[in-house]
């Protein structure tokens, strides 16, 4: 719980007032960046990755750290509906996780 709260603080510190961020599942978050091109979104994702990886939360007598896997998609290139975008970002995030963390930009199921 402490780690999730610390991650939430990083997310809220990073996003703009016009962005929308929320917890999507147990340990998953979604950040919507309206009026942001892919390059700008990558800058935000990299800042989130770096700042979350730097977290050290004290739990009892030890320090707990985490890594982060981020998926990055764009509207309308990667999907036109909420379901399509969530499916694409989920796939990108799991690819990043399989590669050991970091950021994965969705390039479609065929890698294009």
Protein backbone atom coordinates (compact mmCIF):
# COMPACT_ATOMS: atom_id res chain seq x y z
CA UNK A 1 0.00 0.00 0.00
CA UNK A 2 2.81 2.41 0.85
CA UNK A 3 4.51 1.75 -2.47
CA UNK A 4 1.27 2.30 -4.42
CA UNK A 5 0.76 5.60 -2.59
CA UNK A 6 4.33 6.66 -3.40
CA UNK A 7 3.82 5.78 -7.08
CA UNK A 8 0.57 7.74 -7.08
CA UNK A 9 2.43 10.77 -5.73
CA UNK A 10 5.02 10.49 -8.53
CA UNK A 11 2.28 10.24 -11.16
CA UNK A 12 0.37 13.22 -9.78
CA UNK A 13 3.56 15.28 -9.56
CA UNK A 14 4.43 14.48 -13.17
CA UNK A 15 1.17 14.97 -15.06
CA UNK A 16 -0.36 18.31 -16.01
CA UNK A 17 -3.71 19.61 -14.78
CA UNK A 18 -5.18 18.82 -18.22
CA UNK A 19 -4.04 15.17 -18.06
CA UNK A 20 -6.03 12.35 -16.50
CA UNK A 21 -4.35 9.74 -14.33
CA UNK A 22 -5.86 6.91 -12.36
CA UNK A 23 -5.28 3.47 -10.94
CA UNK A 24 -6.61 0.94 -13.42
CA UNK A 25 -6.05 -2.31 -11.57
CA UNK A 26 -4.14 -3.79 -8.67
CA UNK A 27 -0.79 -2.30 -9.61
CA UNK A 28 -1.64 -0.74 -12.96
CA UNK A 29 -2.15 2.93 -13.74
CA UNK A 30 -3.39 4.71 -16.86
CA UNK A 31 -2.35 8.23 -17.81
CA UNK A 32 -4.17 10.08 -20.60
CA UNK A 33 -2.22 12.94 -22.15
CA UNK A 34 -4.58 14.95 -24.37
CA UNK A 35 -3.05 17.26 -26.95
CA UNK A 36 0.29 15.45 -26.61
CA UNK A 37 2.18 13.94 -29.54
CA UNK A 38 4.05 10.64 -29.28
CA UNK A 39 7.39 12.37 -28.62
CA UNK A 40 5.93 14.39 -25.74
CA UNK A 41 4.23 11.30 -24.33
CA UNK A 42 7.54 9.43 -24.42
CA UNK A 43 9.19 12.24 -22.43
CA UNK A 44 6.46 11.95 -19.77
CA UNK A 45 6.73 8.13 -19.75
CA UNK A 46 10.51 8.29 -19.34
CA UNK A 47 10.19 10.73 -16.42
CA UNK A 48 7.64 8.42 -14.78
CA UNK A 49 9.88 5.39 -15.35
CA UNK A 50 12.92 7.11 -13.90
CA UNK A 51 11.14 8.64 -10.90
CA UNK A 52 9.25 5.45 -9.99
CA UNK A 53 12.43 3.36 -10.29
CA UNK A 54 14.14 5.81 -7.89
CA UNK A 55 11.50 5.30 -5.18
CA UNK A 56 12.59 3.62 -1.97
CA UNK A 57 9.77 3.04 0.51
CA UNK A 58 10.60 2.11 4.09
CA UNK A 59 8.60 -0.92 5.27
CA UNK A 60 9.39 -2.08 8.79
CA UNK A 61 13.18 -2.45 8.84
CA UNK A 62 13.88 -2.56 5.11
CA UNK A 63 13.74 -0.41 2.02
CA UNK A 64 11.41 -1.59 -0.77
CA UNK A 65 12.10 -0.65 -4.38
CA UNK A 66 10.24 -1.38 -7.59
CA UNK A 67 10.67 -1.35 -11.32
CA UNK A 68 8.08 -0.21 -13.80
CA UNK A 69 6.90 -1.42 -17.19
CA UNK A 70 5.15 1.16 -19.35
CA UNK A 71 3.15 0.79 -22.53
CA UNK A 72 2.72 3.79 -24.79
CA UNK A 73 -0.01 4.16 -27.44
CA UNK A 74 -1.47 7.03 -29.43
CA UNK A 75 -4.95 7.90 -30.65
CA UNK A 76 -6.00 7.27 -33.40
CA UNK A 77 -2.94 5.40 -34.73
CA UNK A 78 -3.15 2.57 -32.19
CA UNK A 79 -6.92 2.45 -31.78
CA UNK A 80 -10.07 4.48 -32.18
CA UNK A 81 -12.05 3.06 -29.26
CA UNK A 82 -11.29 2.81 -25.57
CA UNK A 83 -11.20 -0.97 -25.88
CA UNK A 84 -8.72 -0.90 -28.79
CA UNK A 85 -6.43 1.56 -27.01
CA UNK A 86 -6.53 -0.37 -23.72
CA UNK A 87 -5.79 -3.63 -25.54
CA UNK A 88 -2.85 -2.04 -27.38
CA UNK A 89 -1.38 -0.40 -24.28
CA UNK A 90 -1.82 -3.62 -22.30
CA UNK A 91 0.09 -5.56 -24.98
CA UNK A 92 2.84 -2.92 -25.06
CA UNK A 93 3.13 -2.96 -21.26
CA UNK A 94 3.42 -6.76 -21.17
CA UNK A 95 6.10 -6.61 -23.88
CA UNK A 96 8.03 -4.12 -21.73
CA UNK A 97 7.59 -6.38 -18.71
CA UNK A 98 8.83 -9.41 -20.67
CA UNK A 99 11.91 -7.39 -21.67
CA UNK A 100 12.68 -6.64 -18.02
CA UNK A 101 10.87 -3.31 -17.65
CA UNK A 102 11.12 0.08 -19.25
CA UNK A 103 8.96 1.59 -21.96
CA UNK A 104 7.48 -0.18 -24.96
CA UNK A 105 5.84 1.79 -27.76
CA UNK A 106 3.03 -0.26 -29.34
CA UNK A 107 3.74 -1.09 -32.95
CA UNK A 108 0.84 -3.38 -33.66
CA UNK A 109 0.61 -7.16 -33.45
CA UNK A 110 2.86 -7.57 -36.50
CA UNK A 111 5.49 -5.11 -35.21
CA UNK A 112 4.64 -2.53 -37.90
